[in-house]
Amino acid sequence: MTTRREREQQVVVEGRVVADFGREFLVELADRRQLVCTRKGKKQDATCGDFVEVRLTG
């Protein structure tokens, strides 16, 4: 579990979902980089074309 301080120090960026693989999805950032991301929880649905916030953790 992360502490409040750790969460505040994490970088959050916005990107667009370009592919969906169940719990994982591919997000393209503004600089055209693509990241494989994992959903947290069950009710956070995103589909191709949606803009999402991505927390960079490692």
N, C-alpha and C. Protein backbone atom coordinates (compact mmCIF):
# COMPACT_ATOMS: atom_id res chain seq x y z
N MET A 1 0.85 -1.17 0.00
CA MET A 1 0.00 0.00 0.00
C MET A 1 0.89 1.24 0.00
N THR A 2 0.50 2.24 -0.79
CA THR A 2 1.30 3.46 -0.86
C THR A 2 0.81 4.47 0.17
N THR A 3 1.73 5.25 0.66
CA THR A 3 1.37 6.28 1.62
C THR A 3 0.89 7.53 0.87
N ARG A 4 0.29 8.43 1.60
CA ARG A 4 -0.21 9.67 0.99
C ARG A 4 0.94 10.45 0.35
N ARG A 5 2.05 10.49 1.01
CA ARG A 5 3.21 11.22 0.49
C ARG A 5 3.69 10.59 -0.83
N GLU A 6 3.73 9.26 -0.90
CA GLU A 6 4.15 8.59 -2.13
C GLU A 6 3.19 8.90 -3.27
N ARG A 7 1.88 8.89 -2.99
CA ARG A 7 0.89 9.20 -4.02
C ARG A 7 1.04 10.63 -4.53
N GLU A 8 1.35 11.56 -3.65
CA GLU A 8 1.51 12.96 -4.05
C GLU A 8 2.74 13.15 -4.93
N GLN A 9 3.74 12.30 -4.78
CA GLN A 9 4.97 12.43 -5.55
C GLN A 9 4.90 11.73 -6.90
N GLN A 10 3.90 10.91 -7.14
CA GLN A 10 3.79 10.20 -8.40
C GLN A 10 3.33 11.16 -9.50
N VAL A 11 3.83 10.94 -10.69
CA VAL A 11 3.49 11.78 -11.83
C VAL A 11 2.23 11.23 -12.49
N VAL A 12 1.29 12.14 -12.80
CA VAL A 12 0.06 11.76 -13.49
C VAL A 12 0.04 12.46 -14.84
N VAL A 13 -0.17 11.69 -15.92
CA VAL A 13 -0.23 12.25 -17.27
C VAL A 13 -1.54 11.83 -17.92
N GLU A 14 -1.92 12.54 -18.98
CA GLU A 14 -3.15 12.19 -19.70
C GLU A 14 -2.78 11.58 -21.04
N GLY A 15 -3.56 10.60 -21.45
CA GLY A 15 -3.35 9.96 -22.73
C GLY A 15 -4.65 9.41 -23.27
N ARG A 16 -4.58 8.83 -24.47
CA ARG A 16 -5.77 8.27 -25.11
C ARG A 16 -5.61 6.77 -25.26
N VAL A 17 -6.64 6.02 -24.93
CA VAL A 17 -6.63 4.57 -25.06
C VAL A 17 -6.65 4.22 -26.55
N VAL A 18 -5.66 3.42 -26.99
CA VAL A 18 -5.60 3.03 -28.40
C VAL A 18 -5.82 1.53 -28.59
N ALA A 19 -5.77 0.74 -27.51
CA ALA A 19 -6.05 -0.69 -27.59
C ALA A 19 -6.46 -1.18 -26.20
N ASP A 20 -7.31 -2.22 -26.19
CA ASP A 20 -7.85 -2.74 -24.94
C ASP A 20 -7.61 -4.25 -24.88
N PHE A 21 -7.01 -4.71 -23.78
CA PHE A 21 -6.68 -6.13 -23.61
C PHE A 21 -7.24 -6.67 -22.30
N GLY A 22 -8.51 -6.44 -22.02
CA GLY A 22 -9.10 -6.90 -20.77
C GLY A 22 -8.73 -5.97 -19.63
N ARG A 23 -7.91 -6.46 -18.68
CA ARG A 23 -7.48 -5.59 -17.56
C ARG A 23 -6.37 -4.63 -17.95
N GLU A 24 -5.72 -4.88 -19.06
CA GLU A 24 -4.65 -3.99 -19.53
C GLU A 24 -5.10 -3.24 -20.77
N PHE A 25 -4.52 -2.06 -20.97
CA PHE A 25 -4.81 -1.32 -22.18
C PHE A 25 -3.59 -0.50 -22.59
N LEU A 26 -3.54 -0.14 -23.86
CA LEU A 26 -2.43 0.62 -24.41
C LEU A 26 -2.85 2.07 -24.51
N VAL A 27 -2.06 2.96 -23.90
CA VAL A 27 -2.37 4.39 -23.86
C VAL A 27 -1.29 5.15 -24.62
N GLU A 28 -1.73 6.04 -25.52
CA GLU A 28 -0.80 6.89 -26.25
C GLU A 28 -0.79 8.27 -25.61
N LEU A 29 0.41 8.74 -25.24
CA LEU A 29 0.56 10.05 -24.62
C LEU A 29 0.68 11.13 -25.69
N ALA A 30 0.65 12.39 -25.28
CA ALA A 30 0.72 13.52 -26.21
C ALA A 30 2.01 13.51 -27.02
N ASP A 31 3.10 12.99 -26.44
CA ASP A 31 4.38 12.95 -27.17
C ASP A 31 4.53 11.70 -28.02
N ARG A 32 3.44 10.97 -28.22
CA ARG A 32 3.33 9.77 -29.07
C ARG A 32 3.93 8.51 -28.44
N ARG A 33 4.43 8.60 -27.19
CA ARG A 33 4.87 7.38 -26.50
C ARG A 33 3.65 6.54 -26.19
N GLN A 34 3.82 5.22 -26.17
CA GLN A 34 2.74 4.32 -25.82
C GLN A 34 3.12 3.54 -24.57
N LEU A 35 2.17 3.44 -23.65
CA LEU A 35 2.38 2.73 -22.39
C LEU A 35 1.35 1.63 -22.23
N VAL A 36 1.77 0.47 -21.75
CA VAL A 36 0.83 -0.58 -21.37
C VAL A 36 0.42 -0.30 -19.93
N CYS A 37 -0.87 -0.15 -19.70
CA CYS A 37 -1.39 0.23 -18.38
C CYS A 37 -2.29 -0.87 -17.84
N THR A 38 -2.42 -0.91 -16.52
CA THR A 38 -3.29 -1.88 -15.85
C THR A 38 -4.39 -1.14 -15.13
N ARG A 39 -5.62 -1.66 -15.26
CA ARG A 39 -6.75 -1.07 -14.55
C ARG A 39 -6.67 -1.42 -13.08
N LYS A 40 -7.10 -0.50 -12.26
CA LYS A 40 -7.20 -0.75 -10.82
C LYS A 40 -8.68 -0.80 -10.47
N GLY A 41 -9.13 -1.90 -9.91
CA GLY A 41 -10.53 -2.05 -9.57
C GLY A 41 -11.34 -2.62 -10.72
N LYS A 42 -12.62 -2.86 -10.47
CA LYS A 42 -13.48 -3.51 -11.46
C LYS A 42 -14.36 -2.55 -12.24
N LYS A 43 -14.68 -1.40 -11.71
CA LYS A 43 -15.68 -0.54 -12.32
C LYS A 43 -15.10 0.61 -13.12
N GLN A 44 -13.83 0.56 -13.44
CA GLN A 44 -13.21 1.66 -14.17
C GLN A 44 -13.06 1.27 -15.63
N ASP A 45 -14.14 1.38 -16.38
CA ASP A 45 -14.12 0.98 -17.77
C ASP A 45 -13.61 2.10 -18.66
N ALA A 46 -12.74 1.76 -19.57
CA ALA A 46 -12.26 2.67 -20.59
C ALA A 46 -12.24 1.88 -21.89
N THR A 47 -12.50 2.55 -22.99
CA THR A 47 -12.49 1.89 -24.28
C THR A 47 -11.66 2.72 -25.25
N CYS A 48 -11.38 2.17 -26.41
CA CYS A 48 -10.56 2.87 -27.40
C CYS A 48 -11.12 4.25 -27.70
N GLY A 49 -10.24 5.24 -27.70
CA GLY A 49 -10.63 6.61 -27.97
C GLY A 49 -10.86 7.44 -26.72
N ASP A 50 -11.04 6.81 -25.57
CA ASP A 50 -11.25 7.54 -24.32
C ASP A 50 -9.94 8.18 -23.85
N PHE A 51 -10.05 9.36 -23.26
CA PHE A 51 -8.90 9.99 -22.63
C PHE A 51 -8.89 9.59 -21.16
N VAL A 52 -7.71 9.20 -20.68
CA VAL A 52 -7.57 8.72 -19.31
C VAL A 52 -6.36 9.38 -18.65
N GLU A 53 -6.38 9.40 -17.32
CA GLU A 53 -5.22 9.84 -16.56
C GLU A 53 -4.42 8.60 -16.16
N VAL A 54 -3.12 8.67 -16.34
CA VAL A 54 -2.23 7.55 -16.07
C VAL A 54 -1.26 7.97 -14.97
N ARG A 55 -1.17 7.17 -13.93
CA ARG A 55 -0.21 7.43 -12.85
C ARG A 55 1.05 6.61 -13.14
N LEU A 56 2.16 7.29 -13.33
CA LEU A 56 3.43 6.62 -13.62
C LEU A 56 4.02 6.11 -12.32
N THR A 57 4.19 4.79 -12.22
CA THR A 57 4.62 4.19 -10.96
C THR A 57 5.98 3.52 -11.04
N GLY A 58 6.56 3.35 -12.17
CA GLY A 58 7.85 2.70 -12.18
C GLY A 58 8.34 2.54 -13.51
